[in-house]
Every structure is written in structure tokens, then in C-alpha cells.
Amino acid sequence: MIYDVRCRQCDRRDEIVRTVDERDTDLPQCCGQTMRRIISLNQNIHPDFEPYIDENISRTGDGVWVKSKQHRQELLRQNGLSEAYGKGWI
């Protein structure tokens, strides 16, 4: 995610890229103090999923273009498939 930060002393604003869990860690410094995260209307989201062709979903083995995590789940349901996670999977 992209978060906006602002210096309380000089009002300098900047953007930082962090995961949701790391949004308040390692914030930049300005004017000798840590910048503060501010609420903004910035809706830019960095995707964590790149589209790809999955040859395991198609019954014919031709491959299916998967556009998002939600799209993958929909394709699995449509083809009567489910994901199985084994030992060591995250």
C-alpha cells in the first residue's frame, strides 16, 4: 500500500510503500523528527498478484488466464476444483 506521511514542523509531505503490517515502522525522518502517517484520499494500491496462465485449472490442459486472486477462486469453483495445502505450505 502507499501511505502519505507529513512532517509536523515544515509540513513536507511524502509517500511511502509498506505492507499493512509495516505501515508504522521505519517512517522517514525530516527536521530531526519522525514523519507522521496521515489519512489521505490516496487510493493507489500496489498489486500483490501478477496475472498469469494456469495450466492446472483448465480441464483441457490448455491453460487459463488468471487475472486476480478472486478470479482464480472463481475459476476453481467453476471447474469443480479446490486447493489442497500440504505440509510446509504457507
N, C-alpha and C. Protein backbone atom coordinates (compact mmCIF):
# COMPACT_ATOMS: atom_id res chain seq x y z
N MET A 1 0.84 -1.17 0.00
CA MET A 1 0.00 0.00 0.00
C MET A 1 0.89 1.24 0.00
N ILE A 2 0.35 2.31 -0.50
CA ILE A 2 1.05 3.59 -0.46
C ILE A 2 0.43 4.42 0.65
N TYR A 3 1.27 4.91 1.54
CA TYR A 3 0.81 5.75 2.65
C TYR A 3 1.43 7.14 2.51
N ASP A 4 0.67 8.15 2.90
CA ASP A 4 1.17 9.52 2.93
C ASP A 4 1.71 9.81 4.31
N VAL A 5 2.85 10.52 4.34
CA VAL A 5 3.44 10.96 5.61
C VAL A 5 3.69 12.46 5.52
N ARG A 6 3.73 13.10 6.70
CA ARG A 6 3.91 14.55 6.74
C ARG A 6 4.80 14.91 7.92
N CYS A 7 5.66 15.91 7.69
CA CYS A 7 6.48 16.45 8.77
C CYS A 7 5.65 17.51 9.50
N ARG A 8 5.59 17.39 10.82
CA ARG A 8 4.80 18.35 11.61
C ARG A 8 5.45 19.73 11.66
N GLN A 9 6.77 19.77 11.48
CA GLN A 9 7.46 21.05 11.61
C GLN A 9 7.42 21.86 10.31
N CYS A 10 7.78 21.26 9.17
CA CYS A 10 7.85 22.02 7.92
C CYS A 10 6.72 21.70 6.95
N ASP A 11 5.85 20.79 7.31
CA ASP A 11 4.68 20.39 6.52
C ASP A 11 5.05 19.68 5.21
N ARG A 12 6.28 19.20 5.10
CA ARG A 12 6.69 18.43 3.91
C ARG A 12 5.90 17.13 3.88
N ARG A 13 5.41 16.77 2.71
CA ARG A 13 4.65 15.54 2.54
C ARG A 13 5.39 14.60 1.61
N ASP A 14 5.21 13.31 1.84
CA ASP A 14 5.87 12.30 1.03
C ASP A 14 5.00 11.05 1.01
N GLU A 15 5.33 10.12 0.12
CA GLU A 15 4.63 8.84 0.06
C GLU A 15 5.61 7.73 0.39
N ILE A 16 5.14 6.71 1.08
CA ILE A 16 5.96 5.55 1.39
C ILE A 16 5.18 4.29 0.99
N VAL A 17 5.90 3.25 0.66
CA VAL A 17 5.27 1.98 0.29
C VAL A 17 5.55 0.99 1.41
N ARG A 18 4.49 0.45 1.98
CA ARG A 18 4.60 -0.50 3.09
C ARG A 18 3.47 -1.53 3.00
N THR A 19 3.67 -2.68 3.61
CA THR A 19 2.56 -3.60 3.78
C THR A 19 1.70 -3.03 4.91
N VAL A 20 0.51 -3.55 5.05
CA VAL A 20 -0.39 -3.06 6.10
C VAL A 20 0.25 -3.28 7.47
N ASP A 21 0.88 -4.43 7.68
CA ASP A 21 1.51 -4.73 8.97
C ASP A 21 2.69 -3.82 9.28
N GLU A 22 3.36 -3.31 8.24
CA GLU A 22 4.56 -2.49 8.44
C GLU A 22 4.31 -0.99 8.26
N ARG A 23 3.05 -0.58 8.19
CA ARG A 23 2.74 0.81 7.85
C ARG A 23 3.32 1.84 8.81
N ASP A 24 3.53 1.48 10.07
CA ASP A 24 4.05 2.45 11.04
C ASP A 24 5.50 2.18 11.44
N THR A 25 6.18 1.30 10.72
CA THR A 25 7.58 1.01 11.06
C THR A 25 8.51 1.72 10.09
N ASP A 26 9.65 2.12 10.60
CA ASP A 26 10.71 2.72 9.78
C ASP A 26 10.21 3.90 8.95
N LEU A 27 9.49 4.83 9.61
CA LEU A 27 9.00 6.02 8.92
C LEU A 27 10.16 6.97 8.65
N PRO A 28 10.12 7.73 7.55
CA PRO A 28 11.22 8.64 7.22
C PRO A 28 11.37 9.76 8.25
N GLN A 29 12.56 10.33 8.27
CA GLN A 29 12.89 11.45 9.16
C GLN A 29 12.86 12.76 8.37
N CYS A 30 12.48 13.83 9.04
CA CYS A 30 12.51 15.18 8.46
C CYS A 30 12.63 16.17 9.62
N CYS A 31 13.46 17.18 9.48
CA CYS A 31 13.63 18.22 10.51
C CYS A 31 13.99 17.61 11.86
N GLY A 32 14.72 16.50 11.84
CA GLY A 32 15.18 15.87 13.08
C GLY A 32 14.14 15.06 13.81
N GLN A 33 13.00 14.82 13.21
CA GLN A 33 11.97 14.02 13.87
C GLN A 33 11.32 13.06 12.86
N THR A 34 10.65 12.06 13.38
CA THR A 34 9.99 11.07 12.53
C THR A 34 8.73 11.67 11.94
N MET A 35 8.57 11.48 10.63
CA MET A 35 7.35 11.96 9.97
C MET A 35 6.17 11.13 10.44
N ARG A 36 4.99 11.69 10.36
CA ARG A 36 3.79 11.00 10.82
C ARG A 36 2.95 10.58 9.63
N ARG A 37 2.34 9.41 9.76
CA ARG A 37 1.45 8.92 8.71
C ARG A 37 0.16 9.71 8.81
N ILE A 38 -0.37 10.13 7.66
CA ILE A 38 -1.61 10.92 7.65
C ILE A 38 -2.66 10.20 6.82
N ILE A 39 -3.90 10.47 7.10
CA ILE A 39 -5.01 9.92 6.33
C ILE A 39 -5.16 10.76 5.08
N SER A 40 -5.25 10.09 3.94
CA SER A 40 -5.41 10.82 2.69
C SER A 40 -6.39 10.09 1.80
N LEU A 41 -6.68 10.68 0.68
CA LEU A 41 -7.58 10.06 -0.29
C LEU A 41 -6.79 9.24 -1.30
N ASN A 42 -5.51 9.01 -1.04
CA ASN A 42 -4.66 8.25 -1.94
C ASN A 42 -5.15 6.81 -2.00
N GLN A 43 -5.63 6.40 -3.14
CA GLN A 43 -6.17 5.05 -3.28
C GLN A 43 -5.27 4.16 -4.13
N ASN A 44 -4.03 4.56 -4.33
CA ASN A 44 -3.11 3.74 -5.12
C ASN A 44 -2.72 2.50 -4.33
N ILE A 45 -2.97 1.34 -4.90
CA ILE A 45 -2.65 0.09 -4.25
C ILE A 45 -1.69 -0.67 -5.14
N HIS A 46 -0.60 -1.12 -4.57
CA HIS A 46 0.33 -1.94 -5.32
C HIS A 46 -0.19 -3.36 -5.35
N PRO A 47 -0.35 -3.91 -6.54
CA PRO A 47 -0.88 -5.26 -6.61
C PRO A 47 0.11 -6.28 -6.05
N ASP A 48 -0.42 -7.28 -5.38
CA ASP A 48 0.43 -8.35 -4.88
C ASP A 48 0.21 -9.60 -5.72
N PHE A 49 -0.39 -9.42 -6.89
CA PHE A 49 -0.75 -10.54 -7.74
C PHE A 49 -0.54 -10.14 -9.19
N GLU A 50 0.32 -10.81 -9.89
CA GLU A 50 0.53 -10.56 -11.31
C GLU A 50 -0.27 -11.60 -12.11
N PRO A 51 -1.01 -11.18 -13.13
CA PRO A 51 -1.76 -12.13 -13.95
C PRO A 51 -0.84 -13.18 -14.57
N TYR A 52 -1.35 -14.39 -14.73
CA TYR A 52 -0.56 -15.48 -15.30
C TYR A 52 -1.48 -16.52 -15.93
N ILE A 53 -0.90 -17.44 -16.69
CA ILE A 53 -1.65 -18.54 -17.27
C ILE A 53 -1.44 -19.77 -16.40
N ASP A 54 -2.56 -20.37 -15.97
CA ASP A 54 -2.51 -21.56 -15.12
C ASP A 54 -3.01 -22.75 -15.92
N GLU A 55 -2.12 -23.70 -16.18
CA GLU A 55 -2.47 -24.88 -16.96
C GLU A 55 -3.15 -25.94 -16.12
N ASN A 56 -3.19 -25.78 -14.82
CA ASN A 56 -3.79 -26.77 -13.93
C ASN A 56 -5.29 -26.57 -13.74
N ILE A 57 -5.79 -25.39 -14.04
CA ILE A 57 -7.21 -25.11 -13.81
C ILE A 57 -8.08 -25.64 -14.94
N SER A 58 -7.60 -25.55 -16.16
CA SER A 58 -8.39 -25.96 -17.32
C SER A 58 -8.49 -27.48 -17.39
N ARG A 59 -9.68 -27.97 -17.69
CA ARG A 59 -9.88 -29.42 -17.84
C ARG A 59 -9.18 -29.96 -19.09
N THR A 60 -8.99 -29.08 -20.08
CA THR A 60 -8.33 -29.50 -21.32
C THR A 60 -6.82 -29.38 -21.25
N GLY A 61 -6.31 -28.70 -20.24
CA GLY A 61 -4.87 -28.52 -20.10
C GLY A 61 -4.31 -27.40 -20.96
N ASP A 62 -5.19 -26.62 -21.60
CA ASP A 62 -4.75 -25.54 -22.46
C ASP A 62 -4.23 -24.34 -21.68
N GLY A 63 -4.69 -24.18 -20.49
CA GLY A 63 -4.29 -23.02 -19.69
C GLY A 63 -5.38 -21.98 -19.65
N VAL A 64 -5.49 -21.32 -18.53
CA VAL A 64 -6.50 -20.29 -18.32
C VAL A 64 -5.79 -19.05 -17.80
N TRP A 65 -6.16 -17.89 -18.34
CA TRP A 65 -5.58 -16.62 -17.90
C TRP A 65 -6.21 -16.25 -16.56
N VAL A 66 -5.40 -16.15 -15.51
CA VAL A 66 -5.87 -15.81 -14.17
C VAL A 66 -5.49 -14.35 -13.91
N LYS A 67 -6.52 -13.53 -13.63
CA LYS A 67 -6.30 -12.08 -13.50
C LYS A 67 -6.14 -11.58 -12.08
N SER A 68 -6.69 -12.31 -11.11
CA SER A 68 -6.61 -11.87 -9.72
C SER A 68 -6.84 -13.06 -8.80
N LYS A 69 -6.65 -12.86 -7.52
CA LYS A 69 -6.91 -13.94 -6.55
C LYS A 69 -8.38 -14.33 -6.57
N GLN A 70 -9.25 -13.34 -6.65
CA GLN A 70 -10.68 -13.60 -6.68
C GLN A 70 -11.06 -14.35 -7.96
N HIS A 71 -10.44 -13.95 -9.07
CA HIS A 71 -10.70 -14.61 -10.34
C HIS A 71 -10.25 -16.07 -10.28
N ARG A 72 -9.11 -16.34 -9.66
CA ARG A 72 -8.62 -17.71 -9.51
C ARG A 72 -9.62 -18.56 -8.72
N GLN A 73 -10.13 -18.01 -7.61
CA GLN A 73 -11.10 -18.75 -6.80
C GLN A 73 -12.37 -19.04 -7.60
N GLU A 74 -12.80 -18.06 -8.40
CA GLU A 74 -13.99 -18.25 -9.24
C GLU A 74 -13.75 -19.36 -10.27
N LEU A 75 -12.58 -19.35 -10.91
CA LEU A 75 -12.25 -20.38 -11.89
C LEU A 75 -12.19 -21.77 -11.25
N LEU A 76 -11.62 -21.84 -10.06
CA LEU A 76 -11.57 -23.13 -9.35
C LEU A 76 -12.97 -23.65 -9.09
N ARG A 77 -13.86 -22.78 -8.61
CA ARG A 77 -15.25 -23.18 -8.34
C ARG A 77 -15.95 -23.63 -9.61
N GLN A 78 -15.77 -22.88 -10.71
CA GLN A 78 -16.42 -23.21 -11.97
C GLN A 78 -15.98 -24.57 -12.50
N ASN A 79 -14.75 -24.95 -12.22
CA ASN A 79 -14.22 -26.22 -12.72
C ASN A 79 -14.29 -27.33 -11.69
N GLY A 80 -14.95 -27.08 -10.57
CA GLY A 80 -15.11 -28.10 -9.54
C GLY A 80 -13.81 -28.48 -8.87
N LEU A 81 -12.90 -27.53 -8.75
CA LEU A 81 -11.59 -27.79 -8.15
C LEU A 81 -11.46 -27.07 -6.82
N SER A 82 -10.53 -27.52 -6.02
CA SER A 82 -10.19 -26.82 -4.77
C SER A 82 -8.70 -26.95 -4.55
N GLU A 83 -8.16 -26.05 -3.76
CA GLU A 83 -6.74 -26.07 -3.47
C GLU A 83 -6.49 -26.94 -2.25
N ALA A 84 -5.45 -27.73 -2.31
CA ALA A 84 -5.04 -28.56 -1.19
C ALA A 84 -3.65 -28.12 -0.77
N TYR A 85 -3.51 -27.82 0.49
CA TYR A 85 -2.23 -27.39 1.02
C TYR A 85 -1.60 -28.52 1.81
N GLY A 86 -0.37 -28.80 1.51
CA GLY A 86 0.33 -29.87 2.20
C GLY A 86 1.26 -29.35 3.27
N LYS A 87 2.00 -30.21 3.88
CA LYS A 87 2.94 -29.85 4.92
C LYS A 87 4.00 -28.90 4.36
N GLY A 88 4.25 -27.83 5.09
CA GLY A 88 5.24 -26.85 4.66
C GLY A 88 4.69 -25.72 3.83
N TRP A 89 3.41 -25.78 3.46
CA TRP A 89 2.80 -24.70 2.68
C TRP A 89 2.45 -23.56 3.61
N ILE A 90 2.49 -22.38 3.08
CA ILE A 90 2.14 -21.19 3.87
C ILE A 90 0.66 -20.97 3.80
